[in-house]
Amino acid sequence: MVGRYERERRGWPAIALTTDTSALTAISNDLGYEEVFARQSGPRRKGRFTNAISTSAGPECRRAALKARELGCRVIALTGANGGQLSSHSDLTLSVPSARTARVQELHITVGIFVRDG
């Protein structure tokens, strides 16, 4: 989202909440894994979108969506199977109708490429 794919374009203001191992371990150790994404507010501001991408859409994703909504963000979720705990807290949920992680991730990649550069 901050890079490019096939053509030049301006990068989007985006941050991956899964890449800071210090934050992941400190938050999960001190507050529990359910808070690991909610606690990292990052660039979430009123009127912006938060994209939640997860094959299982577990409780940590639900908490992140709730926090984003508290901050005034709209939430777009990409999930697998039935949307898990995330779909009821999202403004838009795109659920891949599969329980196979590989199939879900393949479609998430395809959707991501289309959204970025379609």
PDB file of N, CA and C in Angstrom:
ATOM      1  N   MET A   1       0.801  -1.196   0.000  1.00  0.00           N
ATOM      2  CA  MET A   1       0.000   0.000   0.000  1.00  0.00           C
ATOM      3  C   MET A   1       0.845   1.262   0.000  1.00  0.00           C
ATOM      4  N   VAL A   2       2.022   1.189   0.578  1.00  0.00           N
ATOM      5  CA  VAL A   2       2.895   2.352   0.546  1.00  0.00           C
ATOM      6  C   VAL A   2       3.830   2.314  -0.655  1.00  0.00           C
ATOM      7  N   GLY A   3       3.927   1.152  -1.294  1.00  0.00           N
ATOM      8  CA  GLY A   3       4.788   0.998  -2.466  1.00  0.00           C
ATOM      9  C   GLY A   3       4.015   1.216  -3.743  1.00  0.00           C
ATOM     10  N   ARG A   4       4.306   0.378  -4.720  1.00  0.00           N
ATOM     11  CA  ARG A   4       3.639   0.458  -6.007  1.00  0.00           C
ATOM     12  C   ARG A   4       3.506  -0.940  -6.579  1.00  0.00           C
ATOM     13  N   TYR A   5       2.690  -1.073  -7.596  1.00  0.00           N
ATOM     14  CA  TYR A   5       2.545  -2.338  -8.304  1.00  0.00           C
ATOM     15  C   TYR A   5       2.194  -2.021  -9.742  1.00  0.00           C
ATOM     16  N   GLU A   6       3.064  -2.353 -10.664  1.00  0.00           N
ATOM     17  CA  GLU A   6       2.918  -2.181 -12.103  1.00  0.00           C
ATOM     18  C   GLU A   6       2.965  -0.739 -12.596  1.00  0.00           C
ATOM     19  N   ARG A   7       2.588   0.242 -11.807  1.00  0.00           N
ATOM     20  CA  ARG A   7       2.647   1.624 -12.266  1.00  0.00           C
ATOM     21  C   ARG A   7       2.991   2.547 -11.101  1.00  0.00           C
ATOM     22  N   GLU A   8       3.516   3.693 -11.447  1.00  0.00           N
ATOM     23  CA  GLU A   8       3.869   4.668 -10.421  1.00  0.00           C
ATOM     24  C   GLU A   8       2.601   5.306  -9.864  1.00  0.00           C
ATOM     25  N   ARG A   9       2.616   5.516  -8.566  1.00  0.00           N
ATOM     26  CA  ARG A   9       1.524   6.224  -7.901  1.00  0.00           C
ATOM     27  C   ARG A   9       2.030   6.696  -6.558  1.00  0.00           C
ATOM     28  N   ARG A  10       1.294   7.599  -5.966  1.00  0.00           N
ATOM     29  CA  ARG A  10       1.625   8.102  -4.641  1.00  0.00           C
ATOM     30  C   ARG A  10       1.364   7.001  -3.615  1.00  0.00           C
ATOM     31  N   GLY A  11       2.228   6.874  -2.631  1.00  0.00           N
ATOM     32  CA  GLY A  11       2.021   5.891  -1.575  1.00  0.00           C
ATOM     33  C   GLY A  11       0.862   6.289  -0.669  1.00  0.00           C
ATOM     34  N   TRP A  12       0.196   5.304  -0.111  1.00  0.00           N
ATOM     35  CA  TRP A  12      -0.902   5.567   0.814  1.00  0.00           C
ATOM     36  C   TRP A  12      -0.368   5.616   2.235  1.00  0.00           C
ATOM     37  N   PRO A  13      -0.968   6.415   3.104  1.00  0.00           N
ATOM     38  CA  PRO A  13      -0.538   6.423   4.502  1.00  0.00           C
ATOM     39  C   PRO A  13      -0.997   5.125   5.168  1.00  0.00           C
ATOM     40  N   ALA A  14      -0.098   4.188   5.308  1.00  0.00           N
ATOM     41  CA  ALA A  14      -0.451   2.872   5.837  1.00  0.00           C
ATOM     42  C   ALA A  14       0.651   2.372   6.754  1.00  0.00           C
ATOM     43  N   ILE A  15       0.270   1.540   7.692  1.00  0.00           N
ATOM     44  CA  ILE A  15       1.228   0.923   8.599  1.00  0.00           C
ATOM     45  C   ILE A  15       0.749  -0.499   8.890  1.00  0.00           C
ATOM     46  N   ALA A  16       1.681  -1.445   8.899  1.00  0.00           N
ATOM     47  CA  ALA A  16       1.362  -2.830   9.229  1.00  0.00           C
ATOM     48  C   ALA A  16       1.564  -3.020  10.728  1.00  0.00           C
ATOM     49  N   LEU A  17       0.535  -3.391  11.423  1.00  0.00           N
ATOM     50  CA  LEU A  17       0.614  -3.559  12.877  1.00  0.00           C
ATOM     51  C   LEU A  17       1.228  -4.890  13.282  1.00  0.00           C
ATOM     52  N   THR A  18       1.726  -5.643  12.311  1.00  0.00           N
ATOM     53  CA  THR A  18       2.293  -6.961  12.584  1.00  0.00           C
ATOM     54  C   THR A  18       3.811  -6.989  12.531  1.00  0.00           C
ATOM     55  N   THR A  19       4.457  -5.874  12.244  1.00  0.00           N
ATOM     56  CA  THR A  19       5.896  -5.902  11.967  1.00  0.00           C
ATOM     57  C   THR A  19       6.784  -5.417  13.108  1.00  0.00           C
ATOM     58  N   ASP A  20       6.243  -4.791  14.113  1.00  0.00           N
ATOM     59  CA  ASP A  20       7.042  -4.276  15.223  1.00  0.00           C
ATOM     60  C   ASP A  20       7.069  -5.319  16.343  1.00  0.00           C
ATOM     61  N   THR A  21       8.121  -6.136  16.350  1.00  0.00           N
ATOM     62  CA  THR A  21       8.183  -7.220  17.335  1.00  0.00           C
ATOM     63  C   THR A  21       8.245  -6.698  18.765  1.00  0.00           C
ATOM     64  N   SER A  22       8.831  -5.537  18.964  1.00  0.00           N
ATOM     65  CA  SER A  22       8.866  -4.968  20.321  1.00  0.00           C
ATOM     66  C   SER A  22       7.468  -4.650  20.814  1.00  0.00           C
ATOM     67  N   ALA A  23       6.664  -4.032  19.960  1.00  0.00           N
ATOM     68  CA  ALA A  23       5.284  -3.716  20.338  1.00  0.00           C
ATOM     69  C   ALA A  23       4.473  -4.995  20.528  1.00  0.00           C
ATOM     70  N   LEU A  24       4.628  -5.939  19.606  1.00  0.00           N
ATOM     71  CA  LEU A  24       3.859  -7.182  19.694  1.00  0.00           C
ATOM     72  C   LEU A  24       4.117  -7.917  21.010  1.00  0.00           C
ATOM     73  N   THR A  25       5.390  -8.038  21.373  1.00  0.00           N
ATOM     74  CA  THR A  25       5.697  -8.794  22.596  1.00  0.00           C
ATOM     75  C   THR A  25       5.355  -8.006  23.849  1.00  0.00           C
ATOM     76  N   ALA A  26       5.637  -6.715  23.859  1.00  0.00           N
ATOM     77  CA  ALA A  26       5.346  -5.914  25.057  1.00  0.00           C
ATOM     78  C   ALA A  26       3.845  -5.846  25.329  1.00  0.00           C
ATOM     79  N   ILE A  27       3.068  -5.566  24.301  1.00  0.00           N
ATOM     80  CA  ILE A  27       1.612  -5.445  24.486  1.00  0.00           C
ATOM     81  C   ILE A  27       1.003  -6.784  24.853  1.00  0.00           C
ATOM     82  N   SER A  28       1.385  -7.837  24.136  1.00  0.00           N
ATOM     83  CA  SER A  28       0.778  -9.147  24.431  1.00  0.00           C
ATOM     84  C   SER A  28       1.202  -9.661  25.801  1.00  0.00           C
ATOM     85  N   ASN A  29       2.441  -9.396  26.209  1.00  0.00           N
ATOM     86  CA  ASN A  29       2.887  -9.823  27.540  1.00  0.00           C
ATOM     87  C   ASN A  29       2.181  -9.060  28.646  1.00  0.00           C
ATOM     88  N   ASP A  30       2.046  -7.748  28.476  1.00  0.00           N
ATOM     89  CA  ASP A  30       1.487  -6.903  29.535  1.00  0.00           C
ATOM     90  C   ASP A  30      -0.039  -6.861  29.549  1.00  0.00           C
ATOM     91  N   LEU A  31      -0.656  -6.858  28.353  1.00  0.00           N
ATOM     92  CA  LEU A  31      -2.103  -6.644  28.282  1.00  0.00           C
ATOM     93  C   LEU A  31      -2.884  -7.819  27.711  1.00  0.00           C
ATOM     94  N   GLY A  32      -2.191  -8.774  27.119  1.00  0.00           N
ATOM     95  CA  GLY A  32      -2.855  -9.908  26.483  1.00  0.00           C
ATOM     96  C   GLY A  32      -2.897  -9.731  24.974  1.00  0.00           C
ATOM     97  N   TYR A  33      -2.883 -10.841  24.274  1.00  0.00           N
ATOM     98  CA  TYR A  33      -2.814 -10.791  22.817  1.00  0.00           C
ATOM     99  C   TYR A  33      -4.028 -10.119  22.190  1.00  0.00           C
ATOM    100  N   GLU A  34      -5.181 -10.166  22.835  1.00  0.00           N
ATOM    101  CA  GLU A  34      -6.373  -9.526  22.285  1.00  0.00           C
ATOM    102  C   GLU A  34      -6.188  -8.026  22.090  1.00  0.00           C
ATOM    103  N   GLU A  35      -5.262  -7.415  22.806  1.00  0.00           N
ATOM    104  CA  GLU A  35      -5.049  -5.968  22.720  1.00  0.00           C
ATOM    105  C   GLU A  35      -3.922  -5.563  21.773  1.00  0.00           C
ATOM    106  N   VAL A  36      -3.239  -6.535  21.170  1.00  0.00           N
ATOM    107  CA  VAL A  36      -2.013  -6.250  20.434  1.00  0.00           C
ATOM    108  C   VAL A  36      -2.212  -5.307  19.248  1.00  0.00           C
ATOM    109  N   PHE A  37      -3.334  -5.357  18.564  1.00  0.00           N
ATOM    110  CA  PHE A  37      -3.572  -4.457  17.436  1.00  0.00           C
ATOM    111  C   PHE A  37      -4.365  -3.222  17.856  1.00  0.00           C
ATOM    112  N   ALA A  38      -5.247  -3.357  18.808  1.00  0.00           N
ATOM    113  CA  ALA A  38      -6.040  -2.212  19.274  1.00  0.00           C
ATOM    114  C   ALA A  38      -5.153  -1.161  19.921  1.00  0.00           C
ATOM    115  N   ARG A  39      -4.129  -1.596  20.618  1.00  0.00           N
ATOM    116  CA  ARG A  39      -3.257  -0.679  21.353  1.00  0.00           C
ATOM    117  C   ARG A  39      -2.380   0.166  20.431  1.00  0.00           C
ATOM    118  N   GLN A  40      -2.126  -0.340  19.230  1.00  0.00           N
ATOM    119  CA  GLN A  40      -1.288   0.373  18.264  1.00  0.00           C
ATOM    120  C   GLN A  40      -2.164   1.281  17.395  1.00  0.00           C
ATOM    121  N   SER A  41      -2.392   2.491  17.844  1.00  0.00           N
ATOM    122  CA  SER A  41      -3.295   3.395  17.124  1.00  0.00           C
ATOM    123  C   SER A  41      -2.733   3.849  15.788  1.00  0.00           C
ATOM    124  N   GLY A  42      -1.425   4.040  15.711  1.00  0.00           N
ATOM    125  CA  GLY A  42      -0.795   4.415  14.447  1.00  0.00           C
ATOM    126  C   GLY A  42      -1.462   5.606  13.795  1.00  0.00           C
ATOM    127  N   PRO A  43      -1.693   5.517  12.475  1.00  0.00           N
ATOM    128  CA  PRO A  43      -2.249   6.649  11.745  1.00  0.00           C
ATOM    129  C   PRO A  43      -3.775   6.716  11.773  1.00  0.00           C
ATOM    130  N   ARG A  44      -4.409   5.947  12.628  1.00  0.00           N
ATOM    131  CA  ARG A  44      -5.874   5.942  12.654  1.00  0.00           C
ATOM    132  C   ARG A  44      -6.403   7.270  13.191  1.00  0.00           C
ATOM    133  N   ARG A  45      -7.172   7.945  12.351  1.00  0.00           N
ATOM    134  CA  ARG A  45      -7.772   9.220  12.699  1.00  0.00           C
ATOM    135  C   ARG A  45      -9.200   9.260  12.180  1.00  0.00           C
ATOM    136  N   LYS A  46      -9.996  10.128  12.753  1.00  0.00           N
ATOM    137  CA  LYS A  46     -11.386  10.279  12.333  1.00  0.00           C
ATOM    138  C   LYS A  46     -11.467  10.507  10.824  1.00  0.00           C
ATOM    139  N   GLY A  47     -12.364   9.777  10.196  1.00  0.00           N
ATOM    140  CA  GLY A  47     -12.580   9.913   8.768  1.00  0.00           C
ATOM    141  C   GLY A  47     -11.712   9.024   7.900  1.00  0.00           C
ATOM    142  N   ARG A  48     -10.704   8.391   8.474  1.00  0.00           N
ATOM    143  CA  ARG A  48      -9.837   7.496   7.698  1.00  0.00           C
ATOM    144  C   ARG A  48     -10.391   6.076   7.712  1.00  0.00           C
ATOM    145  N   PHE A  49      -9.816   5.255   6.867  1.00  0.00           N
ATOM    146  CA  PHE A  49     -10.189   3.846   6.810  1.00  0.00           C
ATOM    147  C   PHE A  49      -9.154   3.006   7.538  1.00  0.00           C
ATOM    148  N   THR A  50      -9.620   1.968   8.200  1.00  0.00           N
ATOM    149  CA  THR A  50      -8.753   0.946   8.770  1.00  0.00           C
ATOM    150  C   THR A  50      -9.065  -0.344   8.036  1.00  0.00           C
ATOM    151  N   ASN A  51      -8.043  -0.954   7.455  1.00  0.00           N
ATOM    152  CA  ASN A  51      -8.207  -2.240   6.785  1.00  0.00           C
ATOM    153  C   ASN A  51      -7.774  -3.334   7.735  1.00  0.00           C
ATOM    154  N   ALA A  52      -8.659  -4.251   8.006  1.00  0.00           N
ATOM    155  CA  ALA A  52      -8.361  -5.386   8.873  1.00  0.00           C
ATOM    156  C   ALA A  52      -8.314  -6.633   7.992  1.00  0.00           C
ATOM    157  N   ILE A  53      -7.139  -7.246   7.913  1.00  0.00           N
ATOM    158  CA  ILE A  53      -6.949  -8.398   7.035  1.00  0.00           C
ATOM    159  C   ILE A  53      -6.552  -9.597   7.888  1.00  0.00           C
ATOM    160  N   SER A  54      -7.396 -10.629   7.900  1.00  0.00           N
ATOM    161  CA  SER A  54      -7.128 -11.807   8.718  1.00  0.00           C
ATOM    162  C   SER A  54      -7.870 -13.009   8.168  1.00  0.00           C
ATOM    163  N   THR A  55      -7.206 -14.160   8.159  1.00  0.00           N
ATOM    164  CA  THR A  55      -7.891 -15.373   7.720  1.00  0.00           C
ATOM    165  C   THR A  55      -8.867 -15.871   8.783  1.00  0.00           C
ATOM    166  N   SER A  56      -8.520 -15.715  10.048  1.00  0.00           N
ATOM    167  CA  SER A  56      -9.372 -16.236  11.123  1.00  0.00           C
ATOM    168  C   SER A  56     -10.254 -15.173  11.767  1.00  0.00           C
ATOM    169  N   ALA A  57      -9.857 -13.906  11.673  1.00  0.00           N
ATOM    170  CA  ALA A  57     -10.622 -12.782  12.231  1.00  0.00           C
ATOM    171  C   ALA A  57     -10.976 -13.025  13.696  1.00  0.00           C
ATOM    172  N   GLY A  58      -9.961 -13.296  14.491  1.00  0.00           N
ATOM    173  CA  GLY A  58     -10.143 -13.603  15.898  1.00  0.00           C
ATOM    174  C   GLY A  58     -10.391 -12.388  16.768  1.00  0.00           C
ATOM    175  N   PRO A  59     -10.368 -12.594  18.087  1.00  0.00           N
ATOM    176  CA  PRO A  59     -10.702 -11.518  19.022  1.00  0.00           C
ATOM    177  C   PRO A  59      -9.756 -10.327  18.966  1.00  0.00           C
ATOM    178  N   GLU A  60      -8.492 -10.541  18.612  1.00  0.00           N
ATOM    179  CA  GLU A  60      -7.558  -9.414  18.500  1.00  0.00           C
ATOM    180  C   GLU A  60      -7.940  -8.497  17.352  1.00  0.00           C
ATOM    181  N   CYS A  61      -8.498  -9.058  16.280  1.00  0.00           N
ATOM    182  CA  CYS A  61      -8.966  -8.257  15.148  1.00  0.00           C
ATOM    183  C   CYS A  61     -10.251  -7.513  15.512  1.00  0.00           C
ATOM    184  N   ARG A  62     -11.121  -8.170  16.247  1.00  0.00           N
ATOM    185  CA  ARG A  62     -12.357  -7.526  16.709  1.00  0.00           C
ATOM    186  C   ARG A  62     -12.024  -6.318  17.568  1.00  0.00           C
ATOM    187  N   ARG A  63     -11.072  -6.464  18.490  1.00  0.00           N
ATOM    188  CA  ARG A  63     -10.674  -5.354  19.363  1.00  0.00           C
ATOM    189  C   ARG A  63     -10.068  -4.214  18.553  1.00  0.00           C
ATOM    190  N   ALA A  64      -9.290  -4.534  17.537  1.00  0.00           N
ATOM    191  CA  ALA A  64      -8.702  -3.497  16.688  1.00  0.00           C
ATOM    192  C   ALA A  64      -9.795  -2.733  15.939  1.00  0.00           C
ATOM    193  N   ALA A  65     -10.800  -3.444  15.444  1.00  0.00           N
ATOM    194  CA  ALA A  65     -11.911  -2.785  14.743  1.00  0.00           C
ATOM    195  C   ALA A  65     -12.701  -1.888  15.699  1.00  0.00           C
ATOM    196  N   LEU A  66     -12.945  -2.374  16.902  1.00  0.00           N
ATOM    197  CA  LEU A  66     -13.651  -1.560  17.891  1.00  0.00           C
ATOM    198  C   LEU A  66     -12.881  -0.284  18.213  1.00  0.00           C
ATOM    199  N   LYS A  67     -11.570  -0.402  18.377  1.00  0.00           N
ATOM    200  CA  LYS A  67     -10.730   0.759  18.670  1.00  0.00           C
ATOM    201  C   LYS A  67     -10.750   1.739  17.502  1.00  0.00           C
ATOM    202  N   ALA A  68     -10.652   1.231  16.290  1.00  0.00           N
ATOM    203  CA  ALA A  68     -10.683   2.094  15.104  1.00  0.00           C
ATOM    204  C   ALA A  68     -11.995   2.868  15.049  1.00  0.00           C
ATOM    205  N   ARG A  69     -13.096   2.208  15.345  1.00  0.00           N
ATOM    206  CA  ARG A  69     -14.394   2.881  15.337  1.00  0.00           C
ATOM    207  C   ARG A  69     -14.485   3.916  16.451  1.00  0.00           C
ATOM    208  N   GLU A  70     -13.896   3.622  17.610  1.00  0.00           N
ATOM    209  CA  GLU A  70     -13.849   4.616  18.698  1.00  0.00           C
ATOM    210  C   GLU A  70     -13.125   5.879  18.243  1.00  0.00           C
ATOM    211  N   LEU A  71     -12.109   5.703  17.387  1.00  0.00           N
ATOM    212  CA  LEU A  71     -11.324   6.832  16.885  1.00  0.00           C
ATOM    213  C   LEU A  71     -11.985   7.516  15.686  1.00  0.00           C
ATOM    214  N   GLY A  72     -13.143   7.011  15.261  1.00  0.00           N
ATOM    215  CA  GLY A  72     -13.873   7.626  14.156  1.00  0.00           C
ATOM    216  C   GLY A  72     -13.517   7.113  12.780  1.00  0.00           C
ATOM    217  N   CYS A  73     -12.871   5.957  12.708  1.00  0.00           N
ATOM    218  CA  CYS A  73     -12.488   5.371  11.420  1.00  0.00           C
ATOM    219  C   CYS A  73     -13.591   4.470  10.889  1.00  0.00           C
ATOM    220  N   ARG A  74     -13.611   4.297   9.589  1.00  0.00           N
ATOM    221  CA  ARG A  74     -14.437   3.285   8.950  1.00  0.00           C
ATOM    222  C   ARG A  74     -13.574   2.037   8.852  1.00  0.00           C
ATOM    223  N   VAL A  75     -14.165   0.859   8.994  1.00  0.00           N
ATOM    224  CA  VAL A  75     -13.413  -0.394   8.999  1.00  0.00           C
ATOM    225  C   VAL A  75     -13.812  -1.256   7.808  1.00  0.00           C
ATOM    226  N   ILE A  76     -12.803  -1.656   7.036  1.00  0.00           N
ATOM    227  CA  ILE A  76     -12.990  -2.592   5.932  1.00  0.00           C
ATOM    228  C   ILE A  76     -12.248  -3.862   6.310  1.00  0.00           C
ATOM    229  N   ALA A  77     -12.950  -4.980   6.306  1.00  0.00           N
ATOM    230  CA  ALA A  77     -12.355  -6.246   6.719  1.00  0.00           C
ATOM    231  C   ALA A  77     -12.269  -7.223   5.549  1.00  0.00           C
ATOM    232  N   LEU A  78     -11.115  -7.873   5.451  1.00  0.00           N
ATOM    233  CA  LEU A  78     -10.936  -9.006   4.545  1.00  0.00           C
ATOM    234  C   LEU A  78     -10.746 -10.216   5.438  1.00  0.00           C
ATOM    235  N   THR A  79     -11.644 -11.177   5.332  1.00  0.00           N
ATOM    236  CA  THR A  79     -11.615 -12.336   6.220  1.00  0.00           C
ATOM    237  C   THR A  79     -11.757 -13.629   5.423  1.00  0.00           C
ATOM    238  N   GLY A  80     -11.715 -14.719   6.158  1.00  0.00           N
ATOM    239  CA  GLY A  80     -11.995 -16.016   5.580  1.00  0.00           C
ATOM    240  C   GLY A  80     -13.332 -16.525   6.106  1.00  0.00           C
ATOM    241  N   ALA A  81     -13.791 -17.599   5.525  1.00  0.00           N
ATOM    242  CA  ALA A  81     -15.008 -18.311   5.935  1.00  0.00           C
ATOM    243  C   ALA A  81     -16.151 -17.380   6.313  1.00  0.00           C
ATOM    244  N   ASN A  82     -16.481 -17.287   7.598  1.00  0.00           N
ATOM    245  CA  ASN A  82     -17.679 -16.540   7.991  1.00  0.00           C
ATOM    246  C   ASN A  82     -17.403 -15.137   8.535  1.00  0.00           C
ATOM    247  N   GLY A  83     -16.187 -14.684   8.501  1.00  0.00           N
ATOM    248  CA  GLY A  83     -15.867 -13.344   8.988  1.00  0.00           C
ATOM    249  C   GLY A  83     -15.504 -13.284  10.450  1.00  0.00           C
ATOM    250  N   GLY A  84     -15.648 -14.395  11.144  1.00  0.00           N
ATOM    251  CA  GLY A  84     -15.265 -14.463  12.554  1.00  0.00           C
ATOM    252  C   GLY A  84     -15.875 -13.358  13.394  1.00  0.00           C
ATOM    253  N   GLN A  85     -15.152 -12.927  14.403  1.00  0.00           N
ATOM    254  CA  GLN A  85     -15.633 -11.894  15.314  1.00  0.00           C
ATOM    255  C   GLN A  85     -15.482 -10.495  14.724  1.00  0.00           C
ATOM    256  N   LEU A  86     -14.879 -10.408  13.556  1.00  0.00           N
ATOM    257  CA  LEU A  86     -14.587  -9.115  12.964  1.00  0.00           C
ATOM    258  C   LEU A  86     -15.742  -8.547  12.146  1.00  0.00           C
ATOM    259  N   SER A  87     -16.481  -9.381  11.461  1.00  0.00           N
ATOM    260  CA  SER A  87     -17.470  -8.890  10.496  1.00  0.00           C
ATOM    261  C   SER A  87     -18.559  -8.021  11.125  1.00  0.00           C
ATOM    262  N   SER A  88     -18.969  -8.316  12.337  1.00  0.00           N
ATOM    263  CA  SER A  88     -20.036  -7.517  12.948  1.00  0.00           C
ATOM    264  C   SER A  88     -19.551  -6.151  13.432  1.00  0.00           C
ATOM    265  N   HIS A  89     -18.247  -5.905  13.368  1.00  0.00           N
ATOM    266  CA  HIS A  89     -17.680  -4.622  13.797  1.00  0.00           C
ATOM    267  C   HIS A  89     -17.041  -3.866  12.631  1.00  0.00           C
ATOM    268  N   SER A  90     -17.399  -4.257  11.411  1.00  0.00           N
ATOM    269  CA  SER A  90     -16.832  -3.638  10.223  1.00  0.00           C
ATOM    270  C   SER A  90     -17.929  -2.957   9.420  1.00  0.00           C
ATOM    271  N   ASP A  91     -17.549  -1.924   8.702  1.00  0.00           N
ATOM    272  CA  ASP A  91     -18.498  -1.252   7.814  1.00  0.00           C
ATOM    273  C   ASP A  91     -18.692  -2.054   6.533  1.00  0.00           C
ATOM    274  N   LEU A  92     -17.643  -2.747   6.132  1.00  0.00           N
ATOM    275  CA  LEU A  92     -17.688  -3.595   4.946  1.00  0.00           C
ATOM    276  C   LEU A  92     -16.807  -4.805   5.202  1.00  0.00           C
ATOM    277  N   THR A  93     -17.348  -5.991   4.974  1.00  0.00           N
ATOM    278  CA  THR A  93     -16.570  -7.222   5.135  1.00  0.00           C
ATOM    279  C   THR A  93     -16.595  -7.996   3.832  1.00  0.00           C
ATOM    280  N   LEU A  94     -15.409  -8.349   3.352  1.00  0.00           N
ATOM    281  CA  LEU A  94     -15.271  -9.227   2.204  1.00  0.00           C
ATOM    282  C   LEU A  94     -14.752 -10.557   2.737  1.00  0.00           C
ATOM    283  N   SER A  95     -15.632 -11.549   2.803  1.00  0.00           N
ATOM    284  CA  SER A  95     -15.274 -12.861   3.342  1.00  0.00           C
ATOM    285  C   SER A  95     -15.011 -13.835   2.207  1.00  0.00           C
ATOM    286  N   VAL A  96     -13.855 -14.456   2.235  1.00  0.00           N
ATOM    287  CA  VAL A  96     -13.525 -15.486   1.265  1.00  0.00           C
ATOM    288  C   VAL A  96     -14.178 -16.778   1.738  1.00  0.00           C
ATOM    289  N   PRO A  97     -15.028 -17.389   0.922  1.00  0.00           N
ATOM    290  CA  PRO A  97     -15.779 -18.559   1.360  1.00  0.00           C
ATOM    291  C   PRO A  97     -14.943 -19.838   1.396  1.00  0.00           C
ATOM    292  N   SER A  98     -13.953 -19.848   2.263  1.00  0.00           N
ATOM    293  CA  SER A  98     -13.091 -21.014   2.406  1.00  0.00           C
ATOM    294  C   SER A  98     -12.517 -21.047   3.812  1.00  0.00           C
ATOM    295  N   ALA A  99     -12.312 -22.247   4.312  1.00  0.00           N
ATOM    296  CA  ALA A  99     -11.651 -22.415   5.611  1.00  0.00           C
ATOM    297  C   ALA A  99     -10.168 -22.733   5.415  1.00  0.00           C
ATOM    298  N   ARG A 100      -9.733 -22.869   4.167  1.00  0.00           N
ATOM    299  CA  ARG A 100      -8.327 -23.162   3.870  1.00  0.00           C
ATOM    300  C   ARG A 100      -7.534 -21.859   3.841  1.00  0.00           C
ATOM    301  N   THR A 101      -6.603 -21.727   4.756  1.00  0.00           N
ATOM    302  CA  THR A 101      -5.820 -20.500   4.905  1.00  0.00           C
ATOM    303  C   THR A 101      -5.167 -20.070   3.595  1.00  0.00           C
ATOM    304  N   ALA A 102      -4.586 -21.005   2.859  1.00  0.00           N
ATOM    305  CA  ALA A 102      -3.901 -20.667   1.612  1.00  0.00           C
ATOM    306  C   ALA A 102      -4.858 -20.033   0.601  1.00  0.00           C
ATOM    307  N   ARG A 103      -6.070 -20.586   0.452  1.00  0.00           N
ATOM    308  CA  ARG A 103      -7.037 -20.026  -0.496  1.00  0.00           C
ATOM    309  C   ARG A 103      -7.475 -18.630  -0.061  1.00  0.00           C
ATOM    310  N   VAL A 104      -7.690 -18.445   1.227  1.00  0.00           N
ATOM    311  CA  VAL A 104      -8.095 -17.138   1.749  1.00  0.00           C
ATOM    312  C   VAL A 104      -7.000 -16.113   1.476  1.00  0.00           C
ATOM    313  N   GLN A 105      -5.766 -16.459   1.774  1.00  0.00           N
ATOM    314  CA  GLN A 105      -4.661 -15.523   1.573  1.00  0.00           C
ATOM    315  C   GLN A 105      -4.459 -15.193   0.093  1.00  0.00           C
ATOM    316  N   GLU A 106      -4.635 -16.174  -0.791  1.00  0.00           N
ATOM    317  CA  GLU A 106      -4.502 -15.907  -2.224  1.00  0.00           C
ATOM    318  C   GLU A 106      -5.513 -14.866  -2.682  1.00  0.00           C
ATOM    319  N   LEU A 107      -6.734 -14.989  -2.218  1.00  0.00           N
ATOM    320  CA  LEU A 107      -7.745 -14.009  -2.613  1.00  0.00           C
ATOM    321  C   LEU A 107      -7.523 -12.657  -1.944  1.00  0.00           C
ATOM    322  N   HIS A 108      -7.028 -12.651  -0.710  1.00  0.00           N
ATOM    323  CA  HIS A 108      -6.695 -11.384  -0.059  1.00  0.00           C
ATOM    324  C   HIS A 108      -5.623 -10.649  -0.863  1.00  0.00           C
ATOM    325  N   ILE A 109      -4.621 -11.378  -1.341  1.00  0.00           N
ATOM    326  CA  ILE A 109      -3.567 -10.774  -2.160  1.00  0.00           C
ATOM    327  C   ILE A 109      -4.170 -10.188  -3.434  1.00  0.00           C
ATOM    328  N   THR A 110      -5.046 -10.946  -4.080  1.00  0.00           N
ATOM    329  CA  THR A 110      -5.670 -10.481  -5.311  1.00  0.00           C
ATOM    330  C   THR A 110      -6.502  -9.222  -5.063  1.00  0.00           C
ATOM    331  N   VAL A 111      -7.285  -9.222  -4.025  1.00  0.00           N
ATOM    332  CA  VAL A 111      -8.090  -8.036  -3.686  1.00  0.00           C
ATOM    333  C   VAL A 111      -7.175  -6.859  -3.382  1.00  0.00           C
ATOM    334  N   GLY A 112      -6.106  -7.084  -2.641  1.00  0.00           N
ATOM    335  CA  GLY A 112      -5.162  -6.015  -2.301  1.00  0.00           C
ATOM    336  C   GLY A 112      -4.521  -5.398  -3.518  1.00  0.00           C
ATOM    337  N   ILE A 113      -4.165  -6.207  -4.488  1.00  0.00           N
ATOM    338  CA  ILE A 113      -3.561  -5.692  -5.722  1.00  0.00           C
ATOM    339  C   ILE A 113      -4.592  -4.858  -6.485  1.00  0.00           C
ATOM    340  N   PHE A 114      -5.813  -5.326  -6.548  1.00  0.00           N
ATOM    341  CA  PHE A 114      -6.860  -4.585  -7.251  1.00  0.00           C
ATOM    342  C   PHE A 114      -7.151  -3.245  -6.575  1.00  0.00           C
ATOM    343  N   VAL A 115      -7.241  -3.256  -5.261  1.00  0.00           N
ATOM    344  CA  VAL A 115      -7.530  -2.030  -4.515  1.00  0.00           C
ATOM    345  C   VAL A 115      -6.405  -1.029  -4.690  1.00  0.00           C
ATOM    346  N   ARG A 116      -5.168  -1.480  -4.615  1.00  0.00           N
ATOM    347  CA  ARG A 116      -4.022  -0.574  -4.718  1.00  0.00           C
ATOM    348  C   ARG A 116      -3.893   0.025  -6.105  1.00  0.00           C
ATOM    349  N   ASP A 117      -4.040  -0.805  -7.124  1.00  0.00           N
ATOM    350  CA  ASP A 117      -3.675  -0.358  -8.461  1.00  0.00           C
ATOM    351  C   ASP A 117      -4.759  -0.567  -9.509  1.00  0.00           C
ATOM    352  N   GLY A 118      -5.951  -0.955  -9.089  1.00  0.00           N
ATOM    353  CA  GLY A 118      -7.035  -1.235 -10.046  1.00  0.00           C
ATOM    354  C   GLY A 118      -7.625   0.007 -10.545  1.00  0.00           C
TER     355      GLY A 118
END
